[in-house]
Amino acid sequence: MSPETILAGVVAAAVILGLVGSLWPKRKPPHTVFKCGRCNTASRHGNRTIEAWRRGKTRFFCTPCHLKWLQSRPRHEQDTYSGHGRTGGSGCLGVIAILVVLPAGGMLAWVFV
């Protein structure tokens, strides 16, 4: 098997895995409604609480209680908890780029030396 064939197979596998991963449905909480951890009202899950559930949280807060909590925090903590001020994501694209570029660079160096 030639290095070009191996490289093409690795790149094709990475692209296919990326496409399958993006099309896979994301997990959702088992119930659409939750009880607020502060005021005990029944609220529907929104994007914020669904993401918290995916991160393993078990206590959720309705939007008014969450906003009150955000307002009670110092300004630099508000940016952290509200999602503003985030400078980066999970880093998956960088890892994939390294996993593709390093073997490709090694194969090119091997072929041209």
Protein backbone atom coordinates (compact mmCIF):
# COMPACT_ATOMS: atom_id res chain seq x y z
CA MET A 1 0.00 0.00 0.00
CA SER A 2 1.39 3.38 -0.95
CA PRO A 3 1.62 6.29 1.51
CA GLU A 4 -0.79 8.29 -0.64
CA THR A 5 -3.42 5.56 -0.31
CA ILE A 6 -3.00 5.44 3.46
CA LEU A 7 -3.20 9.22 3.71
CA ALA A 8 -6.34 9.32 1.56
CA GLY A 9 -7.94 6.63 3.75
CA VAL A 10 -7.12 8.53 6.96
CA VAL A 11 -8.52 11.79 5.58
CA ALA A 12 -11.66 10.06 4.27
CA ALA A 13 -12.23 8.34 7.64
CA ALA A 14 -11.83 11.68 9.49
CA VAL A 15 -14.33 13.39 7.18
CA ILE A 16 -16.86 10.55 7.47
CA LEU A 17 -16.57 10.44 11.27
CA GLY A 18 -17.04 14.22 11.43
CA LEU A 19 -20.17 14.08 9.28
CA VAL A 20 -21.67 11.18 11.22
CA GLY A 21 -20.94 12.92 14.53
CA SER A 22 -22.62 16.14 13.44
CA LEU A 23 -25.74 14.32 12.24
CA TRP A 24 -26.09 12.15 15.36
CA PRO A 25 -28.97 13.39 17.57
CA LYS A 26 -27.91 15.02 20.84
CA ARG A 27 -29.11 13.63 24.16
CA LYS A 28 -32.02 15.36 25.88
CA PRO A 29 -33.30 15.18 29.45
CA PRO A 30 -35.82 12.40 30.11
CA HIS A 31 -38.53 14.94 31.07
CA THR A 32 -39.44 18.17 29.27
CA VAL A 33 -40.34 19.93 32.54
CA PHE A 34 -38.23 20.45 35.67
CA LYS A 35 -38.84 21.91 39.11
CA CYS A 36 -36.85 25.10 39.78
CA GLY A 37 -34.27 24.59 42.52
CA ARG A 38 -35.02 28.00 44.03
CA CYS A 39 -38.72 28.86 43.67
CA ASN A 40 -40.11 25.33 43.01
CA THR A 41 -42.07 26.37 39.91
CA ALA A 42 -42.42 23.95 37.01
CA SER A 43 -40.48 25.15 33.96
CA ARG A 44 -39.72 23.75 30.54
CA HIS A 45 -36.15 22.86 29.66
CA GLY A 46 -34.46 25.41 27.42
CA ASN A 47 -31.06 25.38 25.72
CA ARG A 48 -29.33 26.51 28.94
CA THR A 49 -30.81 23.78 31.13
CA ILE A 50 -30.40 21.08 28.47
CA GLU A 51 -26.69 21.91 28.19
CA ALA A 52 -26.44 21.85 32.00
CA TRP A 53 -28.12 18.42 32.01
CA ARG A 54 -25.63 17.17 29.41
CA ARG A 55 -22.79 18.33 31.69
CA GLY A 56 -24.23 16.20 34.51
CA LYS A 57 -26.06 18.84 36.55
CA THR A 58 -29.13 17.66 38.47
CA ARG A 59 -30.44 20.93 39.92
CA PHE A 60 -31.91 23.44 37.47
CA PHE A 61 -33.24 26.98 37.80
CA CYS A 62 -35.98 28.78 35.87
CA THR A 63 -34.98 31.78 33.78
CA PRO A 64 -36.12 34.47 36.29
CA CYS A 65 -34.20 32.79 39.14
CA HIS A 66 -31.15 32.34 36.91
CA LEU A 67 -31.25 36.03 35.94
CA LYS A 68 -31.51 37.07 39.61
CA TRP A 69 -28.51 34.86 40.37
CA LEU A 70 -26.53 36.38 37.48
CA GLN A 71 -27.29 39.90 38.71
CA SER A 72 -25.99 39.05 42.18
CA ARG A 73 -22.58 37.95 40.80
CA PRO A 74 -19.60 40.28 40.22
CA ARG A 75 -19.21 41.44 36.61
CA HIS A 76 -16.30 39.14 35.64
CA GLU A 77 -18.21 36.10 36.95
CA GLN A 78 -21.34 37.15 35.05
CA ASP A 79 -19.42 36.93 31.78
CA THR A 80 -18.24 33.43 32.70
CA TYR A 81 -21.65 32.05 33.71
CA SER A 82 -23.76 33.71 31.04
CA GLY A 83 -21.64 32.39 28.19
CA HIS A 84 -20.37 35.85 27.17
CA GLY A 85 -16.68 36.41 27.00
CA ARG A 86 -15.90 32.86 25.93
CA THR A 87 -12.93 32.92 23.67
CA GLY A 88 -12.84 29.36 22.48
CA GLY A 89 -14.74 26.16 22.08
CA SER A 90 -13.92 22.61 23.01
CA GLY A 91 -10.78 22.42 20.85
CA CYS A 92 -11.92 19.47 18.74
CA LEU A 93 -11.06 21.13 15.45
CA GLY A 94 -7.50 21.78 16.61
CA VAL A 95 -7.06 18.16 17.66
CA ILE A 96 -8.40 16.89 14.34
CA ALA A 97 -6.12 19.27 12.45
CA ILE A 98 -3.09 18.01 14.38
CA LEU A 99 -4.08 14.37 13.83
CA VAL A 100 -4.37 14.99 10.08
CA VAL A 101 -1.42 17.34 9.55
CA LEU A 102 1.23 15.44 11.52
CA PRO A 103 0.87 12.11 9.65
CA ALA A 104 0.53 13.96 6.34
CA GLY A 105 3.71 15.95 7.03
CA GLY A 106 5.54 12.80 8.05
CA MET A 107 4.47 11.00 4.87
CA LEU A 108 5.48 13.95 2.68
CA ALA A 109 8.87 14.12 4.38
CA TRP A 110 9.30 10.37 3.91
CA VAL A 111 8.36 10.55 0.21
CA PHE A 112 10.60 13.52 -0.66
CA VAL A 113 13.67 12.49 1.33
